[in-house]
Amino acid sequence: MLSDLEDALRQLHVALESIDNLDAEEVARLKQAASEIEATLDSQDVDSASLAKMLQQQTDAFQQSHPVLTRTVGRVADMLSQMGT
């Protein structure tokens, strides 16, 4: 599952780089969240549930306008939720 999560995070980074009509602040928040997740993947004390919740909350603003990005973020959040705390 970890390699799937790493792949999904790479896809998220690619999607964030290719979107030009998303608010810069939203992009920055998502990039920061993805970086935090990547930095803690090997840690045993990761609160993956709270990371998943944070990602889901940040997609609310652009669900309609960016469905592919929303699905990618949702995929990462689902994987984090399945990992447990």
N, C-alpha and C. Protein backbone atom coordinates (compact mmCIF):
# COMPACT_ATOMS: atom_id res chain seq x y z
N MET A 1 0.82 -1.19 0.00
CA MET A 1 0.00 0.00 0.00
C MET A 1 0.87 1.26 0.00
N LEU A 2 2.03 1.19 0.62
CA LEU A 2 2.90 2.35 0.70
C LEU A 2 3.34 2.81 -0.69
N SER A 3 3.66 1.87 -1.57
CA SER A 3 4.07 2.25 -2.93
C SER A 3 2.91 2.87 -3.70
N ASP A 4 1.69 2.40 -3.45
CA ASP A 4 0.51 3.01 -4.08
C ASP A 4 0.33 4.44 -3.60
N LEU A 5 0.55 4.66 -2.31
CA LEU A 5 0.44 6.00 -1.76
C LEU A 5 1.50 6.91 -2.34
N GLU A 6 2.71 6.42 -2.44
CA GLU A 6 3.79 7.22 -3.04
C GLU A 6 3.46 7.57 -4.49
N ASP A 7 2.90 6.62 -5.22
CA ASP A 7 2.50 6.86 -6.61
C ASP A 7 1.39 7.92 -6.67
N ALA A 8 0.42 7.80 -5.79
CA ALA A 8 -0.68 8.77 -5.77
C ALA A 8 -0.17 10.17 -5.41
N LEU A 9 0.80 10.25 -4.52
CA LEU A 9 1.39 11.55 -4.17
C LEU A 9 2.14 12.15 -5.36
N ARG A 10 2.83 11.32 -6.12
CA ARG A 10 3.50 11.80 -7.33
C ARG A 10 2.47 12.34 -8.32
N GLN A 11 1.36 11.62 -8.47
CA GLN A 11 0.30 12.07 -9.37
C GLN A 11 -0.29 13.39 -8.89
N LEU A 12 -0.41 13.54 -7.60
CA LEU A 12 -0.92 14.79 -7.03
C LEU A 12 0.01 15.95 -7.36
N HIS A 13 1.31 15.74 -7.20
CA HIS A 13 2.27 16.79 -7.53
C HIS A 13 2.19 17.17 -9.01
N VAL A 14 2.08 16.17 -9.88
CA VAL A 14 1.97 16.44 -11.32
C VAL A 14 0.70 17.24 -11.61
N ALA A 15 -0.40 16.83 -11.00
CA ALA A 15 -1.67 17.54 -11.21
C ALA A 15 -1.58 18.98 -10.73
N LEU A 16 -0.96 19.18 -9.58
CA LEU A 16 -0.84 20.54 -9.04
C LEU A 16 0.03 21.42 -9.94
N GLU A 17 1.03 20.85 -10.56
CA GLU A 17 1.90 21.62 -11.45
C GLU A 17 1.21 21.98 -12.75
N SER A 18 0.24 21.18 -13.16
CA SER A 18 -0.39 21.40 -14.46
C SER A 18 -1.64 22.28 -14.40
N ILE A 19 -2.13 22.58 -13.22
CA ILE A 19 -3.34 23.39 -13.08
C ILE A 19 -2.95 24.86 -12.98
N ASP A 20 -3.53 25.65 -13.88
CA ASP A 20 -3.18 27.07 -13.88
C ASP A 20 -4.30 27.97 -13.40
N ASN A 21 -5.49 27.44 -13.23
CA ASN A 21 -6.60 28.30 -12.81
C ASN A 21 -7.10 28.00 -11.40
N LEU A 22 -6.24 27.45 -10.59
CA LEU A 22 -6.56 27.20 -9.18
C LEU A 22 -5.86 28.26 -8.34
N ASP A 23 -6.53 28.73 -7.34
CA ASP A 23 -5.98 29.74 -6.46
C ASP A 23 -4.61 29.32 -5.94
N ALA A 24 -3.65 30.22 -6.03
CA ALA A 24 -2.26 29.92 -5.63
C ALA A 24 -2.18 29.49 -4.17
N GLU A 25 -3.02 30.05 -3.35
CA GLU A 25 -3.02 29.69 -1.92
C GLU A 25 -3.49 28.24 -1.74
N GLU A 26 -4.50 27.84 -2.49
CA GLU A 26 -4.98 26.46 -2.40
C GLU A 26 -3.91 25.48 -2.88
N VAL A 27 -3.24 25.83 -3.98
CA VAL A 27 -2.16 24.99 -4.49
C VAL A 27 -1.06 24.85 -3.44
N ALA A 28 -0.70 25.96 -2.83
CA ALA A 28 0.35 25.95 -1.82
C ALA A 28 -0.04 25.06 -0.64
N ARG A 29 -1.29 25.15 -0.20
CA ARG A 29 -1.75 24.32 0.92
C ARG A 29 -1.69 22.84 0.56
N LEU A 30 -2.13 22.50 -0.64
CA LEU A 30 -2.10 21.10 -1.06
C LEU A 30 -0.67 20.59 -1.21
N LYS A 31 0.21 21.41 -1.76
CA LYS A 31 1.61 21.02 -1.88
C LYS A 31 2.22 20.80 -0.50
N GLN A 32 1.89 21.68 0.44
CA GLN A 32 2.40 21.55 1.80
C GLN A 32 1.89 20.26 2.44
N ALA A 33 0.62 19.97 2.25
CA ALA A 33 0.04 18.75 2.82
C ALA A 33 0.71 17.52 2.21
N ALA A 34 0.91 17.51 0.91
CA ALA A 34 1.56 16.38 0.25
C ALA A 34 2.99 16.22 0.75
N SER A 35 3.68 17.32 0.94
CA SER A 35 5.06 17.26 1.45
C SER A 35 5.09 16.71 2.87
N GLU A 36 4.13 17.13 3.70
CA GLU A 36 4.06 16.61 5.07
C GLU A 36 3.83 15.11 5.07
N ILE A 37 2.96 14.66 4.19
CA ILE A 37 2.67 13.23 4.11
C ILE A 37 3.92 12.48 3.68
N GLU A 38 4.58 12.96 2.64
CA GLU A 38 5.80 12.31 2.16
C GLU A 38 6.88 12.26 3.23
N ALA A 39 7.00 13.33 3.99
CA ALA A 39 8.04 13.40 5.02
C ALA A 39 7.78 12.43 6.17
N THR A 40 6.53 12.02 6.36
CA THR A 40 6.19 11.17 7.49
C THR A 40 5.85 9.73 7.10
N LEU A 41 6.01 9.38 5.84
CA LEU A 41 5.63 8.03 5.40
C LEU A 41 6.34 6.93 6.16
N ASP A 42 7.59 7.13 6.52
CA ASP A 42 8.34 6.09 7.21
C ASP A 42 8.23 6.14 8.72
N SER A 43 7.54 7.14 9.22
CA SER A 43 7.40 7.31 10.67
C SER A 43 6.30 6.40 11.20
N GLN A 44 6.54 5.85 12.37
CA GLN A 44 5.57 4.97 12.99
C GLN A 44 4.46 5.72 13.73
N ASP A 45 4.70 6.99 14.05
CA ASP A 45 3.73 7.74 14.85
C ASP A 45 2.93 8.74 14.01
N VAL A 46 2.70 8.42 12.75
CA VAL A 46 1.96 9.28 11.85
C VAL A 46 0.47 9.17 12.16
N ASP A 47 -0.20 10.31 12.25
CA ASP A 47 -1.65 10.33 12.43
C ASP A 47 -2.26 10.43 11.04
N SER A 48 -2.32 9.30 10.35
CA SER A 48 -2.77 9.30 8.96
C SER A 48 -4.23 9.71 8.83
N ALA A 49 -5.03 9.45 9.85
CA ALA A 49 -6.44 9.85 9.79
C ALA A 49 -6.57 11.37 9.75
N SER A 50 -5.78 12.09 10.54
CA SER A 50 -5.88 13.55 10.53
C SER A 50 -5.31 14.12 9.23
N LEU A 51 -4.27 13.48 8.67
CA LEU A 51 -3.75 13.92 7.38
C LEU A 51 -4.80 13.72 6.29
N ALA A 52 -5.49 12.61 6.33
CA ALA A 52 -6.54 12.34 5.35
C ALA A 52 -7.66 13.36 5.45
N LYS A 53 -8.06 13.66 6.68
CA LYS A 53 -9.13 14.64 6.89
C LYS A 53 -8.71 16.02 6.38
N MET A 54 -7.48 16.41 6.63
CA MET A 54 -6.98 17.70 6.18
C MET A 54 -7.04 17.79 4.65
N LEU A 55 -6.62 16.73 3.97
CA LEU A 55 -6.66 16.73 2.51
C LEU A 55 -8.08 16.84 1.99
N GLN A 56 -8.98 16.09 2.58
CA GLN A 56 -10.37 16.12 2.14
C GLN A 56 -10.97 17.51 2.32
N GLN A 57 -10.69 18.15 3.42
CA GLN A 57 -11.22 19.49 3.67
C GLN A 57 -10.69 20.49 2.66
N GLN A 58 -9.47 20.34 2.24
CA GLN A 58 -8.87 21.30 1.32
C GLN A 58 -9.39 21.14 -0.11
N THR A 59 -10.04 20.04 -0.41
CA THR A 59 -10.57 19.87 -1.77
C THR A 59 -11.96 20.45 -1.94
N ASP A 60 -12.63 20.78 -0.85
CA ASP A 60 -14.00 21.28 -0.94
C ASP A 60 -14.13 22.49 -1.86
N ALA A 61 -13.16 23.37 -1.85
CA ALA A 61 -13.25 24.62 -2.61
C ALA A 61 -13.19 24.41 -4.12
N PHE A 62 -12.61 23.31 -4.58
CA PHE A 62 -12.45 23.16 -6.02
C PHE A 62 -12.98 21.83 -6.57
N GLN A 63 -13.90 21.21 -5.87
CA GLN A 63 -14.46 19.94 -6.33
C GLN A 63 -15.08 20.03 -7.71
N GLN A 64 -15.89 21.04 -7.94
CA GLN A 64 -16.60 21.16 -9.21
C GLN A 64 -15.67 21.55 -10.36
N SER A 65 -14.74 22.45 -10.10
CA SER A 65 -13.91 22.97 -11.19
C SER A 65 -12.73 22.07 -11.54
N HIS A 66 -12.32 21.20 -10.64
CA HIS A 66 -11.15 20.35 -10.87
C HIS A 66 -11.42 18.91 -10.41
N PRO A 67 -12.27 18.20 -11.13
CA PRO A 67 -12.64 16.85 -10.69
C PRO A 67 -11.48 15.86 -10.68
N VAL A 68 -10.54 15.97 -11.61
CA VAL A 68 -9.41 15.03 -11.63
C VAL A 68 -8.53 15.24 -10.41
N LEU A 69 -8.24 16.49 -10.09
CA LEU A 69 -7.45 16.79 -8.90
C LEU A 69 -8.18 16.32 -7.65
N THR A 70 -9.48 16.53 -7.61
CA THR A 70 -10.28 16.10 -6.46
C THR A 70 -10.20 14.58 -6.29
N ARG A 71 -10.29 13.84 -7.40
CA ARG A 71 -10.18 12.37 -7.31
C ARG A 71 -8.79 11.95 -6.84
N THR A 72 -7.76 12.63 -7.30
CA THR A 72 -6.39 12.28 -6.90
C THR A 72 -6.20 12.52 -5.41
N VAL A 73 -6.65 13.67 -4.94
CA VAL A 73 -6.55 13.98 -3.51
C VAL A 73 -7.38 12.98 -2.70
N GLY A 74 -8.56 12.66 -3.19
CA GLY A 74 -9.41 11.69 -2.51
C GLY A 74 -8.77 10.32 -2.42
N ARG A 75 -8.07 9.94 -3.47
CA ARG A 75 -7.36 8.65 -3.48
C ARG A 75 -6.27 8.62 -2.41
N VAL A 76 -5.51 9.71 -2.32
CA VAL A 76 -4.47 9.79 -1.29
C VAL A 76 -5.10 9.74 0.09
N ALA A 77 -6.16 10.52 0.28
CA ALA A 77 -6.83 10.54 1.59
C ALA A 77 -7.39 9.16 1.96
N ASP A 78 -7.97 8.47 0.99
CA ASP A 78 -8.49 7.12 1.27
C ASP A 78 -7.38 6.16 1.69
N MET A 79 -6.26 6.24 1.00
CA MET A 79 -5.13 5.36 1.36
C MET A 79 -4.63 5.67 2.76
N LEU A 80 -4.57 6.96 3.10
CA LEU A 80 -4.14 7.34 4.45
C LEU A 80 -5.12 6.81 5.48
N SER A 81 -6.39 6.92 5.20
CA SER A 81 -7.41 6.43 6.14
C SER A 81 -7.28 4.93 6.38
N GLN A 82 -6.96 4.20 5.32
CA GLN A 82 -6.83 2.76 5.43
C GLN A 82 -5.58 2.35 6.22
N MET A 83 -4.60 3.24 6.26
CA MET A 83 -3.37 2.93 7.00
C MET A 83 -3.57 2.97 8.50
N GLY A 84 -4.61 3.66 8.96
CA GLY A 84 -4.86 3.79 10.39
C GLY A 84 -3.99 4.88 10.97
N THR A 85 -3.96 4.97 12.28
CA THR A 85 -3.18 6.03 12.94
C THR A 85 -1.81 5.55 13.29
